[in-house]
Amino acid sequence: MVLPVLWICGPPGVGKTTVAWEMYSRATRGGRGAVGYVDIDQLGMCYPAPATDPGRHRMKARNLGAVAAGFRAAGVSSLIVSGVVDPAGGVRPEDVPQTAVTVCRLRAEREVLRLRFLGRGGPAGLVDAVLREADALDASDFADVRVDTGGLRVGEVTRLVGERLGGWPAPVAGRSVAAEARPAPPLATVGRPPVLWLCGATGVGKSTVGFEVYRRVLRAGVVAAYLDLDQLGFRHPVPDDDPGNHRLKAHNVAAVWGTYRAAGAQCLIMSGPVEDEAAAAVYADALGNAELAICRLHAGPEELTRRVMSRADGGSWDQPGDPLRGRSEAELLRVADRAVASAATLDATGVGGVRVATDGRTAAEVAEAVLADADLLSGVLNS
């Protein structure tokens, strides 16, 4: 089966992630079958970049091909992607096998882009690079659809994209189809590469702390990768027999990790929820010979409630599909109650070999404690 893929691209600040997520949200309500979503940035978090792929465009595209296979196997009938593409080469069909890729490029005038980029907190020193990328994309001809976003709200841009796409995800003549699947890079069989997984209840800080651990590993000079499990499992509807979507996430983790290992990654830091040892075993099986260590972050009821309530405005980072953004106080209080109960259950069952308390600590302090208590990474950090 060839999987229809809609890739919404454009320069930083143009709104590609916001529009793509809105497209995904509308598709989940449209009754067109199972639909998936992935942000391409989540498929390239491996540093330093290989010398042969400095922009990591090939890495991201190959990982997209690998996770597209996972979505297809999970019964997804269409996949929406957001993120940058190679301004010079666009999307190479051989990197995304067994898909029909439609590229929709969002654009805006230079001054609009500059104001949007700075308005969302982008560094002023990167504005010139953003505008150069926008100019290169404007000079390209690989997009199937182009939509100018200047002066338009998200809903208006989304409507225009839908109109320009016509019958997507129905196949349309002229769109690129890679008919032959290319084998994914195999997981390395020499040694047992370390994988550190940070888990815990909703709102405990898994992603924030996980990324801080990742940054510290990079600063130590280690070639390392980072994955957020939730960002690899956006699929609607979720299977009744796998409400955590663990089978899809585990497949995608293993597929992306294979690409990262081929690029020289020495270790993987990942963050995401796990309810019990049975769910953890799904990932352990998928990761094969990796040395997996699970570190559970914990916060007390008051602190956990405070953190959940802070997520109404986005919390610590603006993640695609944040289920708590924009929720009412009453809704967040219900989420907090469930998080407190989940934390108690995780403590009772003892999921994870290491437990790190986060109350009264900054993300940096928790990351330091994780690295001190979970000695899994000591080999690569001290090599």
Protein backbone atom coordinates (compact mmCIF):
# COMPACT_ATOMS: atom_id res chain seq x y z
CA MET A 1 0.00 0.00 0.00
CA VAL A 2 1.31 3.45 -0.93
CA LEU A 3 0.80 5.89 1.94
CA PRO A 4 -0.34 9.44 1.05
CA VAL A 5 1.92 11.94 2.84
CA LEU A 6 1.27 15.68 3.03
CA TRP A 7 4.45 17.57 3.89
CA ILE A 8 3.82 21.19 4.92
CA CYS A 9 7.10 23.08 4.75
CA GLY A 10 8.44 26.63 4.73
CA PRO A 11 10.99 28.83 6.49
CA PRO A 12 11.08 29.24 10.29
CA GLY A 13 8.26 31.45 11.55
CA VAL A 14 5.90 30.87 8.64
CA GLY A 15 3.51 28.72 10.72
CA LYS A 16 4.04 25.27 9.22
CA THR A 17 3.73 23.32 12.50
CA THR A 18 0.62 25.20 13.61
CA VAL A 19 -1.09 24.75 10.24
CA ALA A 20 -0.08 21.10 9.92
CA TRP A 21 -1.41 20.33 13.39
CA GLU A 22 -4.68 22.06 12.52
CA MET A 23 -4.86 19.96 9.33
CA TYR A 24 -4.30 16.83 11.43
CA SER A 25 -6.91 17.86 13.99
CA ARG A 26 -9.48 18.46 11.26
CA ALA A 27 -8.63 15.14 9.61
CA THR A 28 -9.25 13.29 12.88
CA ARG A 29 -12.75 14.76 12.90
CA GLY A 30 -13.38 14.12 9.23
CA GLY A 31 -13.97 10.37 9.33
CA ARG A 32 -11.49 9.61 6.53
CA GLY A 33 -9.89 6.69 8.31
CA ALA A 34 -6.86 6.56 10.56
CA VAL A 35 -4.51 9.52 10.20
CA GLY A 36 -1.05 10.20 11.62
CA TYR A 37 1.12 13.24 12.24
CA VAL A 38 4.83 13.83 12.79
CA ASP A 39 7.00 16.94 13.03
CA ILE A 40 10.14 16.46 10.95
CA ASP A 41 12.32 18.18 13.58
CA GLN A 42 11.61 15.22 15.87
CA LEU A 43 13.33 12.97 13.32
CA GLY A 44 16.64 14.79 13.25
CA MET A 45 17.66 15.30 16.87
CA CYS A 46 21.08 13.73 16.59
CA TYR A 47 24.19 15.89 17.02
CA PRO A 48 26.76 16.70 15.86
CA ALA A 49 25.43 16.40 12.32
CA PRO A 50 27.31 14.08 9.93
CA ALA A 51 29.82 15.90 7.72
CA THR A 52 28.07 14.47 4.65
CA ASP A 53 24.66 15.78 5.77
CA PRO A 54 25.27 19.09 7.62
CA GLY A 55 21.65 20.16 7.49
CA ARG A 56 20.49 16.64 8.45
CA HIS A 57 17.94 16.80 5.61
CA ARG A 58 18.73 13.28 4.39
CA MET A 59 18.66 11.96 7.96
CA LYS A 60 15.22 13.44 8.57
CA ALA A 61 13.84 12.24 5.23
CA ARG A 62 15.14 8.70 5.78
CA ASN A 63 13.66 8.67 9.27
CA LEU A 64 10.38 9.85 7.80
CA GLY A 65 10.47 6.89 5.43
CA ALA A 66 11.10 4.58 8.38
CA VAL A 67 8.30 5.93 10.57
CA ALA A 68 5.93 6.10 7.59
CA ALA A 69 6.34 2.33 7.36
CA GLY A 70 5.38 2.11 11.02
CA PHE A 71 2.29 4.25 10.54
CA ARG A 72 1.32 2.24 7.47
CA ALA A 73 1.69 -1.04 9.39
CA ALA A 74 -0.45 0.43 12.18
CA GLY A 75 -3.32 0.98 9.73
CA VAL A 76 -2.86 4.71 9.12
CA SER A 77 -4.27 5.70 5.74
CA SER A 78 -2.69 9.18 5.49
CA LEU A 79 0.15 11.01 7.21
CA ILE A 80 0.65 14.75 7.75
CA VAL A 81 4.18 16.07 8.23
CA SER A 82 5.42 19.51 9.22
CA GLY A 83 8.93 20.90 8.95
CA VAL A 84 11.76 22.14 6.82
CA VAL A 85 12.92 20.51 3.60
CA ASP A 86 16.18 20.83 1.74
CA PRO A 87 15.75 24.16 -0.11
CA ALA A 88 17.99 22.94 -2.91
CA GLY A 89 16.72 19.40 -3.46
CA GLY A 90 13.26 19.21 -1.96
CA VAL A 91 12.04 15.72 -1.05
CA ARG A 92 13.84 12.77 -2.67
CA PRO A 93 11.36 9.93 -3.34
CA GLU A 94 14.00 7.27 -2.64
CA ASP A 95 14.26 8.52 0.95
CA VAL A 96 10.54 8.01 1.63
CA PRO A 97 9.68 4.64 0.04
CA GLN A 98 6.14 3.40 -0.51
CA THR A 99 4.65 6.87 -0.14
CA ALA A 100 2.99 9.46 -2.35
CA VAL A 101 4.39 12.75 -1.07
CA THR A 102 2.58 16.02 -1.69
CA VAL A 103 4.61 19.07 -0.71
CA CYS A 104 2.76 22.20 0.38
CA ARG A 105 5.03 25.21 0.84
CA LEU A 106 3.92 28.07 3.07
CA ARG A 107 5.52 31.44 2.47
CA ALA A 108 5.38 35.07 3.62
CA GLU A 109 7.13 38.29 2.71
CA ARG A 110 10.50 38.92 4.31
CA GLU A 111 9.34 41.56 6.78
CA VAL A 112 6.40 39.41 7.89
CA LEU A 113 8.77 36.48 8.47
CA ARG A 114 11.21 38.64 10.38
CA LEU A 115 8.51 39.91 12.75
CA ARG A 116 7.02 36.44 13.27
CA PHE A 117 10.41 34.86 13.95
CA LEU A 118 11.38 37.50 16.49
CA GLY A 119 7.88 37.53 17.97
CA ARG A 120 8.09 33.88 18.92
CA GLY A 121 11.44 34.41 20.64
CA GLY A 122 13.79 33.55 17.80
CA PRO A 123 17.37 34.89 18.20
CA ALA A 124 17.95 38.15 16.33
CA GLY A 125 21.28 36.80 15.13
CA LEU A 126 19.52 34.11 13.09
CA VAL A 127 17.14 36.40 11.21
CA ASP A 128 19.43 36.74 8.18
CA ALA A 129 19.76 32.94 7.92
CA VAL A 130 15.96 32.57 8.10
CA LEU A 131 15.49 35.11 5.32
CA ARG A 132 18.13 33.42 3.16
CA GLU A 133 16.30 30.13 3.56
CA ALA A 134 13.03 31.83 2.63
CA ASP A 135 14.65 33.29 -0.50
CA ALA A 136 16.01 29.86 -1.49
CA LEU A 137 12.58 28.29 -1.06
CA ASP A 138 10.96 31.05 -3.10
CA ALA A 139 13.42 30.29 -5.89
CA SER A 140 12.65 26.54 -5.79
CA ASP A 141 10.07 24.70 -7.87
CA PHE A 142 9.62 21.36 -6.06
CA ALA A 143 6.41 22.18 -4.14
CA ASP A 144 3.10 20.86 -5.46
CA VAL A 145 1.12 23.62 -3.71
CA ARG A 146 2.10 27.08 -2.48
CA VAL A 147 0.13 29.21 -0.02
CA ASP A 148 0.99 32.77 1.04
CA THR A 149 0.27 33.23 4.76
CA GLY A 150 0.76 36.99 5.05
CA GLY A 151 -2.07 38.69 6.96
CA LEU A 152 -3.98 35.42 7.45
CA ARG A 153 -5.02 33.59 10.59
CA VAL A 154 -4.30 29.89 11.10
CA GLY A 155 -7.84 28.88 10.19
CA GLU A 156 -7.72 30.89 6.97
CA VAL A 157 -4.38 29.38 5.94
CA THR A 158 -5.66 25.88 6.74
CA ARG A 159 -8.75 26.48 4.60
CA LEU A 160 -6.61 27.69 1.69
CA VAL A 161 -4.31 24.68 1.98
CA GLY A 162 -7.30 22.35 1.86
CA GLU A 163 -8.72 24.13 -1.19
CA ARG A 164 -5.40 24.03 -3.06
CA LEU A 165 -4.94 20.34 -2.28
CA GLY A 166 -8.25 19.42 -3.80
CA GLY A 167 -8.95 15.76 -3.13
CA TRP A 168 -5.99 14.93 -0.91
CA PRO A 169 -5.36 12.26 0.34
CA ALA A 170 -6.73 10.76 -2.87
CA PRO A 171 -3.84 10.03 -5.32
CA VAL A 172 -3.19 12.80 -7.84
CA ALA A 173 -1.20 12.37 -11.04
CA GLY A 174 2.26 13.89 -10.96
CA ARG A 175 2.93 13.46 -7.27
CA SER A 176 6.10 11.59 -6.41
CA VAL A 177 5.70 7.92 -5.56
CA ALA A 178 8.62 5.80 -4.39
CA ALA A 179 7.51 2.30 -5.32
CA GLU A 180 10.44 0.30 -4.00
CA ALA A 181 11.04 0.06 -0.29
CA ARG A 182 14.67 0.46 0.75
CA PRO A 183 15.90 -1.51 3.77
CA ALA A 184 16.27 0.63 6.89
CA PRO A 185 19.74 0.88 8.45
CA PRO A 186 20.16 -2.11 10.78
CA LEU A 187 20.69 -1.59 14.48
CA ALA A 188 24.35 -1.98 15.34
CA THR A 189 25.20 -5.45 16.64
CA VAL A 190 28.55 -4.57 18.24
CA GLY A 191 28.30 -3.63 21.91
CA ARG A 192 25.20 -2.56 23.78
CA PRO A 193 24.53 1.15 23.16
CA PRO A 194 22.95 2.86 26.18
CA VAL A 195 19.37 4.15 26.03
CA LEU A 196 18.16 6.25 28.97
CA TRP A 197 14.38 6.61 29.24
CA LEU A 198 12.86 9.28 31.51
CA CYS A 199 9.26 8.50 32.47
CA GLY A 200 6.75 9.67 35.06
CA ALA A 201 3.27 11.08 35.51
CA THR A 202 1.78 13.82 33.34
CA GLY A 203 3.36 17.19 34.14
CA VAL A 204 6.34 15.85 36.07
CA GLY A 205 8.82 17.32 33.57
CA LYS A 206 9.89 14.32 31.49
CA SER A 207 10.53 16.24 28.27
CA THR A 208 12.13 19.26 29.96
CA VAL A 209 14.50 17.19 32.06
CA GLY A 210 15.15 14.71 29.27
CA PHE A 211 16.25 17.45 26.92
CA GLU A 212 18.45 19.00 29.62
CA VAL A 213 20.15 15.62 30.14
CA TYR A 214 20.62 15.43 26.38
CA ARG A 215 22.23 18.89 26.27
CA ARG A 216 24.66 17.93 29.02
CA VAL A 217 25.64 14.76 27.17
CA LEU A 218 26.27 16.79 24.01
CA ARG A 219 28.41 19.28 25.93
CA ALA A 220 30.56 16.37 27.04
CA GLY A 221 31.46 15.79 23.39
CA VAL A 222 29.33 12.68 22.88
CA VAL A 223 27.46 12.02 19.62
CA ALA A 224 23.96 11.57 21.02
CA ALA A 225 20.30 11.45 20.00
CA TYR A 226 17.07 12.50 21.67
CA LEU A 227 13.48 11.32 21.17
CA ASP A 228 10.15 12.34 22.71
CA LEU A 229 7.92 9.24 22.56
CA ASP A 230 4.66 11.15 22.35
CA GLN A 231 5.92 12.94 19.24
CA LEU A 232 6.36 9.58 17.47
CA GLY A 233 2.89 8.25 18.15
CA PHE A 234 0.31 10.76 16.92
CA ARG A 235 -2.32 8.46 15.43
CA HIS A 236 -6.09 8.78 15.45
CA PRO A 237 -8.04 6.77 16.32
CA VAL A 238 -5.90 4.99 18.91
CA PRO A 239 -6.31 1.19 18.86
CA ASP A 240 -8.62 -0.17 21.56
CA ASP A 241 -6.12 -2.89 22.44
CA ASP A 242 -3.19 -0.45 22.76
CA PRO A 243 -4.50 2.79 24.30
CA GLY A 244 -0.98 4.03 24.94
CA ASN A 245 -0.05 3.52 21.28
CA HIS A 246 3.06 1.73 22.51
CA ARG A 247 3.39 -0.64 19.56
CA LEU A 248 3.55 2.23 17.06
CA LYS A 249 5.86 4.30 19.24
CA ALA A 250 8.20 1.38 19.88
CA HIS A 251 8.44 0.59 16.16
CA ASN A 252 9.21 4.22 15.36
CA VAL A 253 11.77 4.55 18.17
CA ALA A 254 13.65 1.51 16.91
CA ALA A 255 13.50 2.69 13.29
CA VAL A 256 14.78 6.19 14.07
CA TRP A 257 17.42 4.86 16.46
CA GLY A 258 18.72 2.66 13.64
CA THR A 259 19.30 5.73 11.48
CA TYR A 260 20.96 7.59 14.34
CA ARG A 261 23.25 4.66 15.10
CA ALA A 262 24.26 4.55 11.43
CA ALA A 263 25.10 8.27 11.75
CA GLY A 264 27.42 7.57 14.69
CA ALA A 265 25.20 8.13 17.73
CA GLN A 266 26.72 6.62 20.87
CA CYS A 267 23.66 6.88 23.09
CA LEU A 268 19.96 7.78 23.10
CA ILE A 269 18.03 9.88 25.61
CA MET A 270 14.27 9.55 25.36
CA SER A 271 11.31 10.76 27.38
CA GLY A 272 7.73 9.60 27.55
CA PRO A 273 5.06 7.85 29.60
CA VAL A 274 4.93 4.17 30.52
CA GLU A 275 2.22 2.64 32.70
CA ASP A 276 3.75 -0.68 33.69
CA GLU A 277 6.50 -3.21 33.03
CA ALA A 278 4.50 -4.85 30.24
CA ALA A 279 4.46 -1.60 28.27
CA ALA A 280 8.18 -1.07 28.97
CA ALA A 281 8.90 -4.55 27.60
CA VAL A 282 7.44 -3.55 24.21
CA TYR A 283 10.19 -0.95 23.83
CA ALA A 284 12.90 -3.21 25.20
CA ASP A 285 12.00 -5.83 22.59
CA ALA A 286 11.96 -3.27 19.78
CA LEU A 287 15.35 -1.82 20.76
CA GLY A 288 17.01 -5.21 20.58
CA ASN A 289 20.50 -5.28 22.05
CA ALA A 290 20.42 -1.75 23.49
CA GLU A 291 21.13 -1.40 27.20
CA LEU A 292 17.88 0.21 28.35
CA ALA A 293 17.61 1.99 31.69
CA ILE A 294 14.35 3.58 32.88
CA CYS A 295 14.50 6.55 35.24
CA ARG A 296 11.20 7.58 36.85
CA LEU A 297 10.73 11.23 37.79
CA HIS A 298 8.45 11.90 40.76
CA ALA A 299 6.73 14.96 42.20
CA GLY A 300 4.40 15.26 45.17
CA PRO A 301 0.68 16.04 44.75
CA GLU A 302 0.95 19.82 45.27
CA GLU A 303 3.92 20.27 42.97
CA LEU A 304 2.45 18.01 40.30
CA THR A 305 -0.83 19.95 40.39
CA ARG A 306 1.04 23.27 40.09
CA ARG A 307 2.97 22.04 37.06
CA VAL A 308 -0.13 20.70 35.30
CA MET A 309 -1.94 24.00 35.85
CA SER A 310 1.00 25.93 34.36
CA ARG A 311 0.59 24.04 31.09
CA ALA A 312 -2.54 26.01 30.15
CA ASP A 313 -0.25 28.55 28.48
CA GLY A 314 2.15 25.98 27.07
CA GLY A 315 4.36 25.23 30.06
CA SER A 316 8.08 24.91 29.46
CA TRP A 317 8.07 24.36 25.69
CA ASP A 318 5.71 24.72 22.77
CA GLN A 319 5.29 21.10 21.77
CA PRO A 320 3.09 20.05 18.85
CA GLY A 321 -0.13 18.55 20.11
CA ASP A 322 0.25 19.58 23.75
CA PRO A 323 -2.97 18.12 25.21
CA LEU A 324 -3.00 20.63 28.09
CA ARG A 325 -2.58 23.89 26.18
CA GLY A 326 -5.69 26.05 26.30
CA ARG A 327 -7.61 23.76 28.64
CA SER A 328 -9.91 25.29 31.26
CA GLU A 329 -9.02 25.37 34.95
CA ALA A 330 -11.60 22.69 35.70
CA GLU A 331 -10.21 20.41 33.00
CA LEU A 332 -6.64 20.91 34.19
CA LEU A 333 -7.63 20.12 37.76
CA ARG A 334 -9.09 16.81 36.57
CA VAL A 335 -5.88 16.09 34.67
CA ALA A 336 -3.88 16.94 37.78
CA ASP A 337 -5.96 14.55 39.90
CA ARG A 338 -5.28 11.76 37.40
CA ALA A 339 -1.57 12.65 37.36
CA VAL A 340 -1.37 12.46 41.14
CA ALA A 341 -3.06 9.04 41.08
CA SER A 342 -0.72 7.90 38.29
CA ALA A 343 2.34 9.00 40.27
CA ALA A 344 1.13 6.99 43.26
CA THR A 345 0.55 3.91 41.08
CA LEU A 346 3.99 4.20 39.48
CA ASP A 347 5.55 4.46 42.93
CA ALA A 348 3.64 1.41 44.14
CA THR A 349 4.58 -0.73 41.15
CA GLY A 350 8.16 0.54 41.01
CA VAL A 351 8.39 1.02 37.25
CA GLY A 352 11.94 2.03 36.41
CA GLY A 353 15.14 1.08 38.12
CA VAL A 354 15.88 4.63 39.29
CA ARG A 355 13.54 7.13 40.98
CA VAL A 356 14.47 10.82 41.11
CA ALA A 357 12.44 13.31 43.17
CA THR A 358 11.87 16.64 41.43
CA ASP A 359 10.13 18.74 44.12
CA GLY A 360 11.90 22.03 44.76
CA ARG A 361 14.46 21.42 42.01
CA THR A 362 15.10 23.17 38.73
CA ALA A 363 15.30 21.17 35.50
CA ALA A 364 19.08 21.54 35.57
CA GLU A 365 19.26 20.21 39.13
CA VAL A 366 17.03 17.24 38.28
CA ALA A 367 19.14 16.48 35.19
CA GLU A 368 22.27 16.50 37.34
CA ALA A 369 20.61 14.10 39.79
CA VAL A 370 19.52 11.81 36.94
CA LEU A 371 23.05 11.60 35.59
CA ALA A 372 24.39 10.95 39.09
CA ASP A 373 21.82 8.28 39.98
CA ALA A 374 21.52 6.57 36.58
CA ASP A 375 25.09 5.54 35.80
CA LEU A 376 24.10 4.05 32.44
CA LEU A 377 25.81 6.87 30.53
CA SER A 378 29.03 6.87 32.52
CA GLY A 379 30.78 4.77 29.89
CA VAL A 380 30.19 7.18 27.01
CA LEU A 381 30.63 10.29 29.16
CA ASN A 382 33.98 9.14 30.48
CA SER A 383 35.32 7.61 27.28
